[in-house]
Amino acid sequence: AIDALCLHAAGSAFLQQAAHLTGGLHFHPKKSMSALQHLLQSLSADTTTRKALSVHQPLGVDFRASCFCHKQAVDIGYVCCVCLSIF
């Protein structure tokens, strides 16, 4: 399981997708002061212990691909047949 604690204001769609697909946790706290609380409360427990804890997870996961050039999420894009980059 991949766990992610994103402190950047914009967040990370890649880390959110990786945490969702592996059954891990993804947190994006509103205040950086609450990051220590998330680390100690949820991310330090192993996966079997987490099932007994009541961990709040956001419902929406953005599964859109990101443009290779602009690093923006796109609804419809073109894939390079040589390098498989999305444009």
C-alpha atoms as a PDB file:
ATOM      1  CA  ALA A   1       0.000   0.000   0.000  1.00  0.00           C
ATOM      2  CA  ILE A   2       1.226   3.469  -0.899  1.00  0.00           C
ATOM      3  CA  ASP A   3       0.454   6.215   1.603  1.00  0.00           C
ATOM      4  CA  ALA A   4       0.762   9.882   0.656  1.00  0.00           C
ATOM      5  CA  LEU A   5       0.666  13.090   2.661  1.00  0.00           C
ATOM      6  CA  CYS A   6       0.674  16.002   0.230  1.00  0.00           C
ATOM      7  CA  LEU A   7       1.702  19.371   1.667  1.00  0.00           C
ATOM      8  CA  HIS A   8       1.769  21.261  -1.638  1.00  0.00           C
ATOM      9  CA  ALA A   9      -1.148  23.631  -2.181  1.00  0.00           C
ATOM     10  CA  ALA A  10      -2.029  22.202  -5.605  1.00  0.00           C
ATOM     11  CA  GLY A  11      -1.948  18.554  -4.505  1.00  0.00           C
ATOM     12  CA  SER A  12      -0.817  15.612  -6.602  1.00  0.00           C
ATOM     13  CA  ALA A  13      -3.169  13.622  -8.811  1.00  0.00           C
ATOM     14  CA  PHE A  14      -0.495  10.945  -9.340  1.00  0.00           C
ATOM     15  CA  LEU A  15      -0.081  10.294  -5.600  1.00  0.00           C
ATOM     16  CA  GLN A  16      -3.851  10.282  -5.127  1.00  0.00           C
ATOM     17  CA  GLN A  17      -4.263   7.681  -7.876  1.00  0.00           C
ATOM     18  CA  ALA A  18      -1.372   5.548  -6.576  1.00  0.00           C
ATOM     19  CA  ALA A  19      -2.770   5.538  -3.036  1.00  0.00           C
ATOM     20  CA  HIS A  20      -6.258   4.633  -4.262  1.00  0.00           C
ATOM     21  CA  LEU A  21      -5.108   1.812  -6.549  1.00  0.00           C
ATOM     22  CA  THR A  22      -2.875   0.188  -3.917  1.00  0.00           C
ATOM     23  CA  GLY A  23      -5.338   0.514  -1.049  1.00  0.00           C
ATOM     24  CA  GLY A  24      -3.292   3.139   0.742  1.00  0.00           C
ATOM     25  CA  LEU A  25      -4.224   6.500   2.211  1.00  0.00           C
ATOM     26  CA  HIS A  26      -3.958   9.962   0.678  1.00  0.00           C
ATOM     27  CA  PHE A  27      -4.180  13.080   2.823  1.00  0.00           C
ATOM     28  CA  HIS A  28      -4.104  16.680   1.720  1.00  0.00           C
ATOM     29  CA  PRO A  29      -4.477  18.673   4.956  1.00  0.00           C
ATOM     30  CA  LYS A  30      -5.791  22.220   4.748  1.00  0.00           C
ATOM     31  CA  LYS A  31      -3.299  23.439   7.350  1.00  0.00           C
ATOM     32  CA  SER A  32       0.282  22.202   7.462  1.00  0.00           C
ATOM     33  CA  MET A  33       0.060  22.126  11.270  1.00  0.00           C
ATOM     34  CA  SER A  34      -2.319  19.163  11.099  1.00  0.00           C
ATOM     35  CA  ALA A  35       0.188  17.092   9.100  1.00  0.00           C
ATOM     36  CA  LEU A  36       1.786  15.689  12.255  1.00  0.00           C
ATOM     37  CA  GLN A  37      -1.623  14.591  13.517  1.00  0.00           C
ATOM     38  CA  HIS A  38      -2.299  12.717  10.251  1.00  0.00           C
ATOM     39  CA  LEU A  39       1.138  11.100  10.367  1.00  0.00           C
ATOM     40  CA  LEU A  40       0.753   9.856  13.911  1.00  0.00           C
ATOM     41  CA  GLN A  41      -2.906   8.897  13.765  1.00  0.00           C
ATOM     42  CA  SER A  42      -3.293   7.181  10.415  1.00  0.00           C
ATOM     43  CA  LEU A  43      -0.114   6.736   8.450  1.00  0.00           C
ATOM     44  CA  SER A  44       1.931   5.116  11.231  1.00  0.00           C
ATOM     45  CA  ALA A  45      -0.510   2.199  11.582  1.00  0.00           C
ATOM     46  CA  ASP A  46      -0.118  -0.876   9.395  1.00  0.00           C
ATOM     47  CA  THR A  47      -2.788  -1.932   6.904  1.00  0.00           C
ATOM     48  CA  THR A  48      -4.486  -4.476   9.185  1.00  0.00           C
ATOM     49  CA  THR A  49      -4.742  -1.989  12.065  1.00  0.00           C
ATOM     50  CA  ARG A  50      -6.157   0.700   9.749  1.00  0.00           C
ATOM     51  CA  LYS A  51      -9.221  -1.409   9.076  1.00  0.00           C
ATOM     52  CA  ALA A  52     -10.181  -1.063  12.753  1.00  0.00           C
ATOM     53  CA  LEU A  53      -9.583   2.711  12.719  1.00  0.00           C
ATOM     54  CA  SER A  54     -12.122   5.159  11.383  1.00  0.00           C
ATOM     55  CA  VAL A  55     -10.057   6.933   8.723  1.00  0.00           C
ATOM     56  CA  HIS A  56     -11.711   9.670   6.675  1.00  0.00           C
ATOM     57  CA  GLN A  57     -10.903   9.396   2.979  1.00  0.00           C
ATOM     58  CA  PRO A  58     -12.054  11.795   0.261  1.00  0.00           C
ATOM     59  CA  LEU A  59     -14.585  10.247  -2.092  1.00  0.00           C
ATOM     60  CA  GLY A  60     -13.449  11.661  -5.419  1.00  0.00           C
ATOM     61  CA  VAL A  61     -10.301  10.430  -7.135  1.00  0.00           C
ATOM     62  CA  ASP A  62      -9.242  12.232 -10.307  1.00  0.00           C
ATOM     63  CA  PHE A  63      -8.339   9.520 -12.829  1.00  0.00           C
ATOM     64  CA  ARG A  64      -7.720  11.906 -15.713  1.00  0.00           C
ATOM     65  CA  ALA A  65      -4.351  11.739 -17.434  1.00  0.00           C
ATOM     66  CA  SER A  66      -1.882  14.626 -17.265  1.00  0.00           C
ATOM     67  CA  CYS A  67      -0.429  16.369 -20.293  1.00  0.00           C
ATOM     68  CA  PHE A  68       3.300  15.735 -20.657  1.00  0.00           C
ATOM     69  CA  CYS A  69       4.066  19.324 -21.710  1.00  0.00           C
ATOM     70  CA  HIS A  70       1.805  21.396 -19.480  1.00  0.00           C
ATOM     71  CA  LYS A  71       1.354  19.062 -16.475  1.00  0.00           C
ATOM     72  CA  GLN A  72      -2.402  19.779 -16.535  1.00  0.00           C
ATOM     73  CA  ALA A  73      -5.156  17.167 -16.330  1.00  0.00           C
ATOM     74  CA  VAL A  74      -6.852  16.589 -19.692  1.00  0.00           C
ATOM     75  CA  ASP A  75     -10.171  14.947 -20.532  1.00  0.00           C
ATOM     76  CA  ILE A  76      -9.187  14.017 -24.078  1.00  0.00           C
ATOM     77  CA  GLY A  77      -5.581  13.781 -25.196  1.00  0.00           C
ATOM     78  CA  TYR A  78      -3.293  12.304 -27.823  1.00  0.00           C
ATOM     79  CA  VAL A  79      -0.834   9.525 -27.011  1.00  0.00           C
ATOM     80  CA  CYS A  80       2.542   9.373 -28.762  1.00  0.00           C
ATOM     81  CA  CYS A  81       2.930   5.897 -30.280  1.00  0.00           C
ATOM     82  CA  VAL A  82       6.712   5.907 -29.668  1.00  0.00           C
ATOM     83  CA  CYS A  83       7.112   7.134 -26.073  1.00  0.00           C
ATOM     84  CA  LEU A  84       3.461   6.817 -24.843  1.00  0.00           C
ATOM     85  CA  SER A  85       3.425  10.419 -23.599  1.00  0.00           C
ATOM     86  CA  ILE A  86       0.056  12.132 -23.380  1.00  0.00           C
ATOM     87  CA  PHE A  87      -0.394  15.499 -25.116  1.00  0.00           C
END
